[in-house]
Amino acid sequence: MPAKYRVEITRHAEAELEAIYAYIAQDNPAAAFEFVAAIERQISSLERFPLRAPVIPEAGELGVSYRHLIHGVYRTILRVDGKRVYILRVIHGSRLLDLGILQAP
């Protein structure tokens, strides 16, 4: 059985999930709940296999092997550090990454 990793979601990523929910809920609260729940399930699955998430295309520019998972048009940006997985951002795929926010606690 694979080792278990500890997944930690930053406050910034939590706020982004809340904003995604609020945006979708304007039109359809049930769909908003299911969409965010699906992202949260995807994040929870990182406890077992975080390295399955591919390294982001911007990694060469950043000098750090950030990884991401895609759900719909949203990207969950993460970093694996030892036995910890830090969820740093949950952003729309068309947005540029803010390098200042990509710091794990």
PDB file of N, CA and C in Angstrom:
ATOM      1  N   MET A   1       0.854  -1.181   0.000  1.00  0.00           N
ATOM      2  CA  MET A   1       0.000   0.000   0.000  1.00  0.00           C
ATOM      3  C   MET A   1       0.896   1.239   0.000  1.00  0.00           C
ATOM      4  N   PRO A   2       0.592   2.239  -0.839  1.00  0.00           N
ATOM      5  CA  PRO A   2       1.429   3.431  -0.897  1.00  0.00           C
ATOM      6  C   PRO A   2       1.372   4.231   0.404  1.00  0.00           C
ATOM      7  N   ALA A   3       2.451   4.959   0.645  1.00  0.00           N
ATOM      8  CA  ALA A   3       2.524   5.792   1.845  1.00  0.00           C
ATOM      9  C   ALA A   3       1.459   6.879   1.782  1.00  0.00           C
ATOM     10  N   LYS A   4       1.017   7.323   2.928  1.00  0.00           N
ATOM     11  CA  LYS A   4       0.014   8.368   2.985  1.00  0.00           C
ATOM     12  C   LYS A   4       0.697   9.720   3.167  1.00  0.00           C
ATOM     13  N   TYR A   5       0.268  10.696   2.381  1.00  0.00           N
ATOM     14  CA  TYR A   5       0.785  12.052   2.460  1.00  0.00           C
ATOM     15  C   TYR A   5      -0.208  12.919   3.227  1.00  0.00           C
ATOM     16  N   ARG A   6       0.302  13.946   3.847  1.00  0.00           N
ATOM     17  CA  ARG A   6      -0.567  14.910   4.532  1.00  0.00           C
ATOM     18  C   ARG A   6      -0.855  16.048   3.555  1.00  0.00           C
ATOM     19  N   VAL A   7      -2.130  16.293   3.276  1.00  0.00           N
ATOM     20  CA  VAL A   7      -2.531  17.344   2.345  1.00  0.00           C
ATOM     21  C   VAL A   7      -2.955  18.575   3.144  1.00  0.00           C
ATOM     22  N   GLU A   8      -2.327  19.702   2.846  1.00  0.00           N
ATOM     23  CA  GLU A   8      -2.644  20.958   3.518  1.00  0.00           C
ATOM     24  C   GLU A   8      -3.077  21.982   2.482  1.00  0.00           C
ATOM     25  N   ILE A   9      -4.228  22.585   2.715  1.00  0.00           N
ATOM     26  CA  ILE A   9      -4.766  23.590   1.801  1.00  0.00           C
ATOM     27  C   ILE A   9      -4.485  24.967   2.396  1.00  0.00           C
ATOM     28  N   THR A  10      -3.813  25.818   1.619  1.00  0.00           N
ATOM     29  CA  THR A  10      -3.512  27.161   2.114  1.00  0.00           C
ATOM     30  C   THR A  10      -4.791  27.981   2.214  1.00  0.00           C
ATOM     31  N   ARG A  11      -4.751  29.034   3.010  1.00  0.00           N
ATOM     32  CA  ARG A  11      -5.911  29.911   3.147  1.00  0.00           C
ATOM     33  C   ARG A  11      -6.281  30.539   1.805  1.00  0.00           C
ATOM     34  N   HIS A  12      -5.253  30.850   1.036  1.00  0.00           N
ATOM     35  CA  HIS A  12      -5.507  31.467  -0.270  1.00  0.00           C
ATOM     36  C   HIS A  12      -6.278  30.503  -1.176  1.00  0.00           C
ATOM     37  N   ALA A  13      -5.887  29.240  -1.210  1.00  0.00           N
ATOM     38  CA  ALA A  13      -6.586  28.246  -2.029  1.00  0.00           C
ATOM     39  C   ALA A  13      -8.015  28.039  -1.516  1.00  0.00           C
ATOM     40  N   GLU A  14      -8.198  28.035  -0.210  1.00  0.00           N
ATOM     41  CA  GLU A  14      -9.550  27.905   0.363  1.00  0.00           C
ATOM     42  C   GLU A  14     -10.426  29.068  -0.087  1.00  0.00           C
ATOM     43  N   ALA A  15      -9.867  30.278  -0.051  1.00  0.00           N
ATOM     44  CA  ALA A  15     -10.622  31.458  -0.477  1.00  0.00           C
ATOM     45  C   ALA A  15     -10.989  31.360  -1.958  1.00  0.00           C
ATOM     46  N   GLU A  16     -10.085  30.815  -2.755  1.00  0.00           N
ATOM     47  CA  GLU A  16     -10.375  30.650  -4.178  1.00  0.00           C
ATOM     48  C   GLU A  16     -11.494  29.640  -4.401  1.00  0.00           C
ATOM     49  N   LEU A  17     -11.503  28.555  -3.633  1.00  0.00           N
ATOM     50  CA  LEU A  17     -12.598  27.582  -3.732  1.00  0.00           C
ATOM     51  C   LEU A  17     -13.933  28.225  -3.360  1.00  0.00           C
ATOM     52  N   GLU A  18     -13.921  29.039  -2.318  1.00  0.00           N
ATOM     53  CA  GLU A  18     -15.147  29.730  -1.904  1.00  0.00           C
ATOM     54  C   GLU A  18     -15.624  30.685  -3.000  1.00  0.00           C
ATOM     55  N   ALA A  19     -14.693  31.370  -3.656  1.00  0.00           N
ATOM     56  CA  ALA A  19     -15.056  32.295  -4.738  1.00  0.00           C
ATOM     57  C   ALA A  19     -15.623  31.544  -5.940  1.00  0.00           C
ATOM     58  N   ILE A  20     -15.051  30.388  -6.242  1.00  0.00           N
ATOM     59  CA  ILE A  20     -15.564  29.561  -7.341  1.00  0.00           C
ATOM     60  C   ILE A  20     -16.995  29.136  -7.027  1.00  0.00           C
ATOM     61  N   TYR A  21     -17.218  28.682  -5.792  1.00  0.00           N
ATOM     62  CA  TYR A  21     -18.562  28.288  -5.382  1.00  0.00           C
ATOM     63  C   TYR A  21     -19.532  29.457  -5.534  1.00  0.00           C
ATOM     64  N   ALA A  22     -19.160  30.624  -5.014  1.00  0.00           N
ATOM     65  CA  ALA A  22     -20.039  31.795  -5.048  1.00  0.00           C
ATOM     66  C   ALA A  22     -20.378  32.190  -6.485  1.00  0.00           C
ATOM     67  N   TYR A  23     -19.402  32.106  -7.363  1.00  0.00           N
ATOM     68  CA  TYR A  23     -19.624  32.480  -8.757  1.00  0.00           C
ATOM     69  C   TYR A  23     -20.619  31.531  -9.430  1.00  0.00           C
ATOM     70  N   ILE A  24     -20.412  30.237  -9.281  1.00  0.00           N
ATOM     71  CA  ILE A  24     -21.305  29.258  -9.916  1.00  0.00           C
ATOM     72  C   ILE A  24     -22.682  29.274  -9.254  1.00  0.00           C
ATOM     73  N   ALA A  25     -22.712  29.484  -7.945  1.00  0.00           N
ATOM     74  CA  ALA A  25     -23.970  29.449  -7.194  1.00  0.00           C
ATOM     75  C   ALA A  25     -24.912  30.580  -7.576  1.00  0.00           C
ATOM     76  N   GLN A  26     -24.400  31.631  -8.179  1.00  0.00           N
ATOM     77  CA  GLN A  26     -25.276  32.710  -8.630  1.00  0.00           C
ATOM     78  C   GLN A  26     -26.335  32.175  -9.582  1.00  0.00           C
ATOM     79  N   ASP A  27     -25.959  31.193 -10.394  1.00  0.00           N
ATOM     80  CA  ASP A  27     -26.886  30.611 -11.363  1.00  0.00           C
ATOM     81  C   ASP A  27     -27.465  29.279 -10.907  1.00  0.00           C
ATOM     82  N   ASN A  28     -26.646  28.491 -10.162  1.00  0.00           N
ATOM     83  CA  ASN A  28     -27.090  27.146  -9.819  1.00  0.00           C
ATOM     84  C   ASN A  28     -26.351  26.657  -8.572  1.00  0.00           C
ATOM     85  N   PRO A  29     -26.935  26.874  -7.399  1.00  0.00           N
ATOM     86  CA  PRO A  29     -26.271  26.459  -6.152  1.00  0.00           C
ATOM     87  C   PRO A  29     -25.950  24.965  -6.086  1.00  0.00           C
ATOM     88  N   ALA A  30     -26.834  24.120  -6.601  1.00  0.00           N
ATOM     89  CA  ALA A  30     -26.578  22.674  -6.551  1.00  0.00           C
ATOM     90  C   ALA A  30     -25.365  22.319  -7.417  1.00  0.00           C
ATOM     91  N   ALA A  31     -25.276  22.912  -8.594  1.00  0.00           N
ATOM     92  CA  ALA A  31     -24.124  22.666  -9.466  1.00  0.00           C
ATOM     93  C   ALA A  31     -22.847  23.193  -8.835  1.00  0.00           C
ATOM     94  N   ALA A  32     -22.935  24.326  -8.156  1.00  0.00           N
ATOM     95  CA  ALA A  32     -21.766  24.896  -7.478  1.00  0.00           C
ATOM     96  C   ALA A  32     -21.268  23.941  -6.397  1.00  0.00           C
ATOM     97  N   PHE A  33     -22.193  23.406  -5.622  1.00  0.00           N
ATOM     98  CA  PHE A  33     -21.820  22.468  -4.567  1.00  0.00           C
ATOM     99  C   PHE A  33     -21.117  21.251  -5.158  1.00  0.00           C
ATOM    100  N   GLU A  34     -21.694  20.669  -6.210  1.00  0.00           N
ATOM    101  CA  GLU A  34     -21.114  19.463  -6.803  1.00  0.00           C
ATOM    102  C   GLU A  34     -19.758  19.751  -7.442  1.00  0.00           C
ATOM    103  N   PHE A  35     -19.616  20.903  -8.096  1.00  0.00           N
ATOM    104  CA  PHE A  35     -18.358  21.242  -8.750  1.00  0.00           C
ATOM    105  C   PHE A  35     -17.237  21.379  -7.723  1.00  0.00           C
ATOM    106  N   VAL A  36     -17.486  22.123  -6.666  1.00  0.00           N
ATOM    107  CA  VAL A  36     -16.467  22.318  -5.633  1.00  0.00           C
ATOM    108  C   VAL A  36     -16.212  21.007  -4.889  1.00  0.00           C
ATOM    109  N   ALA A  37     -17.245  20.215  -4.653  1.00  0.00           N
ATOM    110  CA  ALA A  37     -17.058  18.909  -4.004  1.00  0.00           C
ATOM    111  C   ALA A  37     -16.163  18.010  -4.852  1.00  0.00           C
ATOM    112  N   ALA A  38     -16.308  18.069  -6.174  1.00  0.00           N
ATOM    113  CA  ALA A  38     -15.462  17.259  -7.060  1.00  0.00           C
ATOM    114  C   ALA A  38     -14.001  17.701  -6.963  1.00  0.00           C
ATOM    115  N   ILE A  39     -13.765  19.006  -6.897  1.00  0.00           N
ATOM    116  CA  ILE A  39     -12.388  19.498  -6.723  1.00  0.00           C
ATOM    117  C   ILE A  39     -11.843  19.035  -5.375  1.00  0.00           C
ATOM    118  N   GLU A  40     -12.659  19.108  -4.336  1.00  0.00           N
ATOM    119  CA  GLU A  40     -12.217  18.674  -3.003  1.00  0.00           C
ATOM    120  C   GLU A  40     -11.914  17.176  -2.973  1.00  0.00           C
ATOM    121  N   ARG A  41     -12.694  16.363  -3.679  1.00  0.00           N
ATOM    122  CA  ARG A  41     -12.399  14.923  -3.768  1.00  0.00           C
ATOM    123  C   ARG A  41     -11.065  14.700  -4.487  1.00  0.00           C
ATOM    124  N   GLN A  42     -10.854  15.454  -5.530  1.00  0.00           N
ATOM    125  CA  GLN A  42      -9.597  15.360  -6.275  1.00  0.00           C
ATOM    126  C   GLN A  42      -8.418  15.712  -5.362  1.00  0.00           C
ATOM    127  N   ILE A  43      -8.575  16.755  -4.561  1.00  0.00           N
ATOM    128  CA  ILE A  43      -7.530  17.161  -3.623  1.00  0.00           C
ATOM    129  C   ILE A  43      -7.301  16.068  -2.582  1.00  0.00           C
ATOM    130  N   SER A  44      -8.377  15.515  -2.045  1.00  0.00           N
ATOM    131  CA  SER A  44      -8.251  14.451  -1.037  1.00  0.00           C
ATOM    132  C   SER A  44      -7.518  13.231  -1.579  1.00  0.00           C
ATOM    133  N   SER A  45      -7.700  12.957  -2.854  1.00  0.00           N
ATOM    134  CA  SER A  45      -7.051  11.786  -3.454  1.00  0.00           C
ATOM    135  C   SER A  45      -5.531  11.915  -3.476  1.00  0.00           C
ATOM    136  N   LEU A  46      -5.037  13.114  -3.264  1.00  0.00           N
ATOM    137  CA  LEU A  46      -3.582  13.327  -3.256  1.00  0.00           C
ATOM    138  C   LEU A  46      -2.909  12.695  -2.038  1.00  0.00           C
ATOM    139  N   GLU A  47      -3.692  12.282  -1.052  1.00  0.00           N
ATOM    140  CA  GLU A  47      -3.120  11.606   0.121  1.00  0.00           C
ATOM    141  C   GLU A  47      -2.371  10.339  -0.267  1.00  0.00           C
ATOM    142  N   ARG A  48      -2.771   9.711  -1.344  1.00  0.00           N
ATOM    143  CA  ARG A  48      -2.170   8.442  -1.756  1.00  0.00           C
ATOM    144  C   ARG A  48      -1.193   8.570  -2.918  1.00  0.00           C
ATOM    145  N   PHE A  49      -1.537   9.360  -3.916  1.00  0.00           N
ATOM    146  CA  PHE A  49      -0.711   9.408  -5.126  1.00  0.00           C
ATOM    147  C   PHE A  49      -0.484  10.842  -5.619  1.00  0.00           C
ATOM    148  N   PRO A  50       0.187  11.682  -4.858  1.00  0.00           N
ATOM    149  CA  PRO A  50       0.359  13.074  -5.290  1.00  0.00           C
ATOM    150  C   PRO A  50       1.262  13.235  -6.510  1.00  0.00           C
ATOM    151  N   LEU A  51       2.166  12.298  -6.715  1.00  0.00           N
ATOM    152  CA  LEU A  51       3.098  12.440  -7.832  1.00  0.00           C
ATOM    153  C   LEU A  51       2.461  12.076  -9.176  1.00  0.00           C
ATOM    154  N   ARG A  52       1.197  11.660  -9.147  1.00  0.00           N
ATOM    155  CA  ARG A  52       0.494  11.411 -10.403  1.00  0.00           C
ATOM    156  C   ARG A  52       0.134  12.725 -11.083  1.00  0.00           C
ATOM    157  N   ALA A  53       0.084  13.795 -10.300  1.00  0.00           N
ATOM    158  CA  ALA A  53      -0.224  15.114 -10.863  1.00  0.00           C
ATOM    159  C   ALA A  53       0.976  15.577 -11.685  1.00  0.00           C
ATOM    160  N   PRO A  54       0.753  15.964 -12.933  1.00  0.00           N
ATOM    161  CA  PRO A  54       1.883  16.365 -13.777  1.00  0.00           C
ATOM    162  C   PRO A  54       2.506  17.691 -13.329  1.00  0.00           C
ATOM    163  N   VAL A  55       3.776  17.835 -13.638  1.00  0.00           N
ATOM    164  CA  VAL A  55       4.479  19.087 -13.380  1.00  0.00           C
ATOM    165  C   VAL A  55       3.894  20.135 -14.320  1.00  0.00           C
ATOM    166  N   ILE A  56       3.682  21.345 -13.799  1.00  0.00           N
ATOM    167  CA  ILE A  56       3.066  22.389 -14.613  1.00  0.00           C
ATOM    168  C   ILE A  56       4.026  22.874 -15.700  1.00  0.00           C
ATOM    169  N   PRO A  57       3.486  23.328 -16.827  1.00  0.00           N
ATOM    170  CA  PRO A  57       4.333  23.802 -17.917  1.00  0.00           C
ATOM    171  C   PRO A  57       5.235  24.970 -17.515  1.00  0.00           C
ATOM    172  N   GLU A  58       4.808  25.778 -16.558  1.00  0.00           N
ATOM    173  CA  GLU A  58       5.585  26.940 -16.116  1.00  0.00           C
ATOM    174  C   GLU A  58       6.737  26.583 -15.194  1.00  0.00           C
ATOM    175  N   ALA A  59       6.892  25.315 -14.836  1.00  0.00           N
ATOM    176  CA  ALA A  59       7.887  24.899 -13.843  1.00  0.00           C
ATOM    177  C   ALA A  59       9.298  25.318 -14.223  1.00  0.00           C
ATOM    178  N   GLY A  60       9.637  25.262 -15.512  1.00  0.00           N
ATOM    179  CA  GLY A  60      10.972  25.659 -15.939  1.00  0.00           C
ATOM    180  C   GLY A  60      11.263  27.106 -15.612  1.00  0.00           C
ATOM    181  N   GLU A  61      10.286  27.981 -15.770  1.00  0.00           N
ATOM    182  CA  GLU A  61      10.443  29.398 -15.462  1.00  0.00           C
ATOM    183  C   GLU A  61      10.529  29.639 -13.958  1.00  0.00           C
ATOM    184  N   LEU A  62       9.805  28.844 -13.191  1.00  0.00           N
ATOM    185  CA  LEU A  62       9.713  29.052 -11.756  1.00  0.00           C
ATOM    186  C   LEU A  62      10.868  28.423 -10.985  1.00  0.00           C
ATOM    187  N   GLY A  63      11.488  27.399 -11.548  1.00  0.00           N
ATOM    188  CA  GLY A  63      12.587  26.732 -10.872  1.00  0.00           C
ATOM    189  C   GLY A  63      12.148  25.770  -9.778  1.00  0.00           C
ATOM    190  N   VAL A  64      10.858  25.523  -9.664  1.00  0.00           N
ATOM    191  CA  VAL A  64      10.315  24.593  -8.669  1.00  0.00           C
ATOM    192  C   VAL A  64       9.328  23.692  -9.394  1.00  0.00           C
ATOM    193  N   SER A  65       9.295  22.427  -9.042  1.00  0.00           N
ATOM    194  CA  SER A  65       8.411  21.472  -9.707  1.00  0.00           C
ATOM    195  C   SER A  65       7.007  21.512  -9.121  1.00  0.00           C
ATOM    196  N   TYR A  66       6.312  22.614  -9.338  1.00  0.00           N
ATOM    197  CA  TYR A  66       4.910  22.664  -8.960  1.00  0.00           C
ATOM    198  C   TYR A  66       4.155  21.701  -9.865  1.00  0.00           C
ATOM    199  N   ARG A  67       3.069  21.176  -9.354  1.00  0.00           N
ATOM    200  CA  ARG A  67       2.250  20.221 -10.095  1.00  0.00           C
ATOM    201  C   ARG A  67       0.824  20.750 -10.157  1.00  0.00           C
ATOM    202  N   HIS A  68       0.001  20.135 -10.968  1.00  0.00           N
ATOM    203  CA  HIS A  68      -1.392  20.566 -11.005  1.00  0.00           C
ATOM    204  C   HIS A  68      -2.328  19.417 -11.355  1.00  0.00           C
ATOM    205  N   LEU A  69      -3.554  19.613 -10.943  1.00  0.00           N
ATOM    206  CA  LEU A  69      -4.667  18.761 -11.343  1.00  0.00           C
ATOM    207  C   LEU A  69      -5.672  19.660 -12.037  1.00  0.00           C
ATOM    208  N   ILE A  70      -6.335  19.128 -13.023  1.00  0.00           N
ATOM    209  CA  ILE A  70      -7.310  19.895 -13.793  1.00  0.00           C
ATOM    210  C   ILE A  70      -8.705  19.348 -13.512  1.00  0.00           C
ATOM    211  N   HIS A  71      -9.645  20.260 -13.282  1.00  0.00           N
ATOM    212  CA  HIS A  71     -11.062  19.881 -13.182  1.00  0.00           C
ATOM    213  C   HIS A  71     -11.842  20.942 -13.948  1.00  0.00           C
ATOM    214  N   GLY A  72     -12.455  20.543 -15.038  1.00  0.00           N
ATOM    215  CA  GLY A  72     -13.131  21.522 -15.886  1.00  0.00           C
ATOM    216  C   GLY A  72     -12.109  22.509 -16.404  1.00  0.00           C
ATOM    217  N   VAL A  73     -12.366  23.783 -16.175  1.00  0.00           N
ATOM    218  CA  VAL A  73     -11.420  24.822 -16.607  1.00  0.00           C
ATOM    219  C   VAL A  73     -10.560  25.331 -15.456  1.00  0.00           C
ATOM    220  N   TYR A  74     -10.589  24.626 -14.318  1.00  0.00           N
ATOM    221  CA  TYR A  74      -9.829  25.062 -13.143  1.00  0.00           C
ATOM    222  C   TYR A  74      -8.603  24.196 -12.913  1.00  0.00           C
ATOM    223  N   ARG A  75      -7.557  24.833 -12.443  1.00  0.00           N
ATOM    224  CA  ARG A  75      -6.295  24.154 -12.116  1.00  0.00           C
ATOM    225  C   ARG A  75      -6.063  24.232 -10.615  1.00  0.00           C
ATOM    226  N   THR A  76      -5.772  23.104 -10.003  1.00  0.00           N
ATOM    227  CA  THR A  76      -5.348  23.078  -8.607  1.00  0.00           C
ATOM    228  C   THR A  76      -3.827  22.966  -8.637  1.00  0.00           C
ATOM    229  N   ILE A  77      -3.142  24.010  -8.171  1.00  0.00           N
ATOM    230  CA  ILE A  77      -1.690  24.057  -8.178  1.00  0.00           C
ATOM    231  C   ILE A  77      -1.189  23.561  -6.822  1.00  0.00           C
ATOM    232  N   LEU A  78      -0.240  22.629  -6.851  1.00  0.00           N
ATOM    233  CA  LEU A  78       0.250  22.034  -5.609  1.00  0.00           C
ATOM    234  C   LEU A  78       1.757  21.833  -5.650  1.00  0.00           C
ATOM    235  N   ARG A  79       2.295  21.597  -4.472  1.00  0.00           N
ATOM    236  CA  ARG A  79       3.716  21.279  -4.354  1.00  0.00           C
ATOM    237  C   ARG A  79       3.848  20.131  -3.372  1.00  0.00           C
ATOM    238  N   VAL A  80       4.639  19.143  -3.743  1.00  0.00           N
ATOM    239  CA  VAL A  80       4.910  17.999  -2.869  1.00  0.00           C
ATOM    240  C   VAL A  80       6.254  18.252  -2.205  1.00  0.00           C
ATOM    241  N   ASP A  81       6.255  18.180  -0.875  1.00  0.00           N
ATOM    242  CA  ASP A  81       7.472  18.416  -0.101  1.00  0.00           C
ATOM    243  C   ASP A  81       7.570  17.305   0.941  1.00  0.00           C
ATOM    244  N   GLY A  82       8.405  16.316   0.670  1.00  0.00           N
ATOM    245  CA  GLY A  82       8.499  15.170   1.572  1.00  0.00           C
ATOM    246  C   GLY A  82       7.179  14.426   1.596  1.00  0.00           C
ATOM    247  N   LYS A  83       6.591  14.288   2.765  1.00  0.00           N
ATOM    248  CA  LYS A  83       5.308  13.597   2.916  1.00  0.00           C
ATOM    249  C   LYS A  83       4.145  14.579   3.042  1.00  0.00           C
ATOM    250  N   ARG A  84       4.375  15.819   2.611  1.00  0.00           N
ATOM    251  CA  ARG A  84       3.314  16.831   2.645  1.00  0.00           C
ATOM    252  C   ARG A  84       2.999  17.295   1.236  1.00  0.00           C
ATOM    253  N   VAL A  85       1.723  17.556   1.028  1.00  0.00           N
ATOM    254  CA  VAL A  85       1.252  18.121  -0.234  1.00  0.00           C
ATOM    255  C   VAL A  85       0.593  19.449   0.117  1.00  0.00           C
ATOM    256  N   TYR A  86       1.097  20.521  -0.456  1.00  0.00           N
ATOM    257  CA  TYR A  86       0.547  21.850  -0.217  1.00  0.00           C
ATOM    258  C   TYR A  86      -0.316  22.259  -1.413  1.00  0.00           C
ATOM    259  N   ILE A  87      -1.573  22.547  -1.148  1.00  0.00           N
ATOM    260  CA  ILE A  87      -2.468  23.069  -2.173  1.00  0.00           C
ATOM    261  C   ILE A  87      -2.314  24.585  -2.114  1.00  0.00           C
ATOM    262  N   LEU A  88      -1.751  25.146  -3.192  1.00  0.00           N
ATOM    263  CA  LEU A  88      -1.384  26.555  -3.184  1.00  0.00           C
ATOM    264  C   LEU A  88      -2.405  27.452  -3.865  1.00  0.00           C
ATOM    265  N   ARG A  89      -2.988  26.978  -4.953  1.00  0.00           N
ATOM    266  CA  ARG A  89      -3.934  27.793  -5.726  1.00  0.00           C
ATOM    267  C   ARG A  89      -5.003  26.890  -6.322  1.00  0.00           C
ATOM    268  N   VAL A  90      -6.166  27.461  -6.564  1.00  0.00           N
ATOM    269  CA  VAL A  90      -7.214  26.838  -7.372  1.00  0.00           C
ATOM    270  C   VAL A  90      -7.705  27.965  -8.276  1.00  0.00           C
ATOM    271  N   ILE A  91      -7.229  27.959  -9.520  1.00  0.00           N
ATOM    272  CA  ILE A  91      -7.480  29.097 -10.406  1.00  0.00           C
ATOM    273  C   ILE A  91      -8.063  28.660 -11.744  1.00  0.00           C
ATOM    274  N   HIS A  92      -8.697  29.595 -12.401  1.00  0.00           N
ATOM    275  CA  HIS A  92      -9.186  29.363 -13.757  1.00  0.00           C
ATOM    276  C   HIS A  92      -7.975  29.147 -14.644  1.00  0.00           C
ATOM    277  N   GLY A  93      -8.060  28.191 -15.548  1.00  0.00           N
ATOM    278  CA  GLY A  93      -6.933  27.839 -16.392  1.00  0.00           C
ATOM    279  C   GLY A  93      -6.417  28.956 -17.274  1.00  0.00           C
ATOM    280  N   SER A  94      -7.225  29.968 -17.547  1.00  0.00           N
ATOM    281  CA  SER A  94      -6.785  31.061 -18.406  1.00  0.00           C
ATOM    282  C   SER A  94      -5.990  32.123 -17.643  1.00  0.00           C
ATOM    283  N   ARG A  95      -5.979  32.033 -16.316  1.00  0.00           N
ATOM    284  CA  ARG A  95      -5.270  33.035 -15.513  1.00  0.00           C
ATOM    285  C   ARG A  95      -3.784  32.706 -15.413  1.00  0.00           C
ATOM    286  N   LEU A  96      -2.976  33.752 -15.337  1.00  0.00           N
ATOM    287  CA  LEU A  96      -1.550  33.581 -15.106  1.00  0.00           C
ATOM    288  C   LEU A  96      -1.318  33.329 -13.624  1.00  0.00           C
ATOM    289  N   LEU A  97      -0.268  32.575 -13.323  1.00  0.00           N
ATOM    290  CA  LEU A  97       0.061  32.311 -11.931  1.00  0.00           C
ATOM    291  C   LEU A  97       0.730  33.517 -11.309  1.00  0.00           C
ATOM    292  N   ASP A  98       0.303  33.877 -10.106  1.00  0.00           N
ATOM    293  CA  ASP A  98       0.944  34.941  -9.336  1.00  0.00           C
ATOM    294  C   ASP A  98       2.057  34.293  -8.534  1.00  0.00           C
ATOM    295  N   LEU A  99       3.300  34.544  -8.931  1.00  0.00           N
ATOM    296  CA  LEU A  99       4.438  33.860  -8.317  1.00  0.00           C
ATOM    297  C   LEU A  99       4.550  34.143  -6.831  1.00  0.00           C
ATOM    298  N   GLY A 100       4.137  35.310  -6.382  1.00  0.00           N
ATOM    299  CA  GLY A 100       4.232  35.632  -4.966  1.00  0.00           C
ATOM    300  C   GLY A 100       3.342  34.781  -4.092  1.00  0.00           C
ATOM    301  N   ILE A 101       2.291  34.243  -4.657  1.00  0.00           N
ATOM    302  CA  ILE A 101       1.347  33.437  -3.887  1.00  0.00           C
ATOM    303  C   ILE A 101       1.766  31.966  -3.862  1.00  0.00           C
ATOM    304  N   LEU A 102       2.663  31.562  -4.727  1.00  0.00           N
ATOM    305  CA  LEU A 102       3.060  30.163  -4.785  1.00  0.00           C
ATOM    306  C   LEU A 102       4.114  29.823  -3.739  1.00  0.00           C
ATOM    307  N   GLN A 103       3.817  30.125  -2.508  1.00  0.00           N
ATOM    308  CA  GLN A 103       4.713  29.803  -1.418  1.00  0.00           C
ATOM    309  C   GLN A 103       3.963  28.968  -0.400  1.00  0.00           C
ATOM    310  N   ALA A 104       4.494  27.827  -0.078  1.00  0.00           N
ATOM    311  CA  ALA A 104       3.878  26.988   0.955  1.00  0.00           C
ATOM    312  C   ALA A 104       4.255  27.531   2.318  1.00  0.00           C
ATOM    313  N   PRO A 105       3.418  27.303   3.291  1.00  0.00           N
ATOM    314  CA  PRO A 105       3.705  27.780   4.661  1.00  0.00           C
ATOM    315  C   PRO A 105       4.979  27.172   5.212  1.00  0.00           C
TER     316      PRO A 105
END
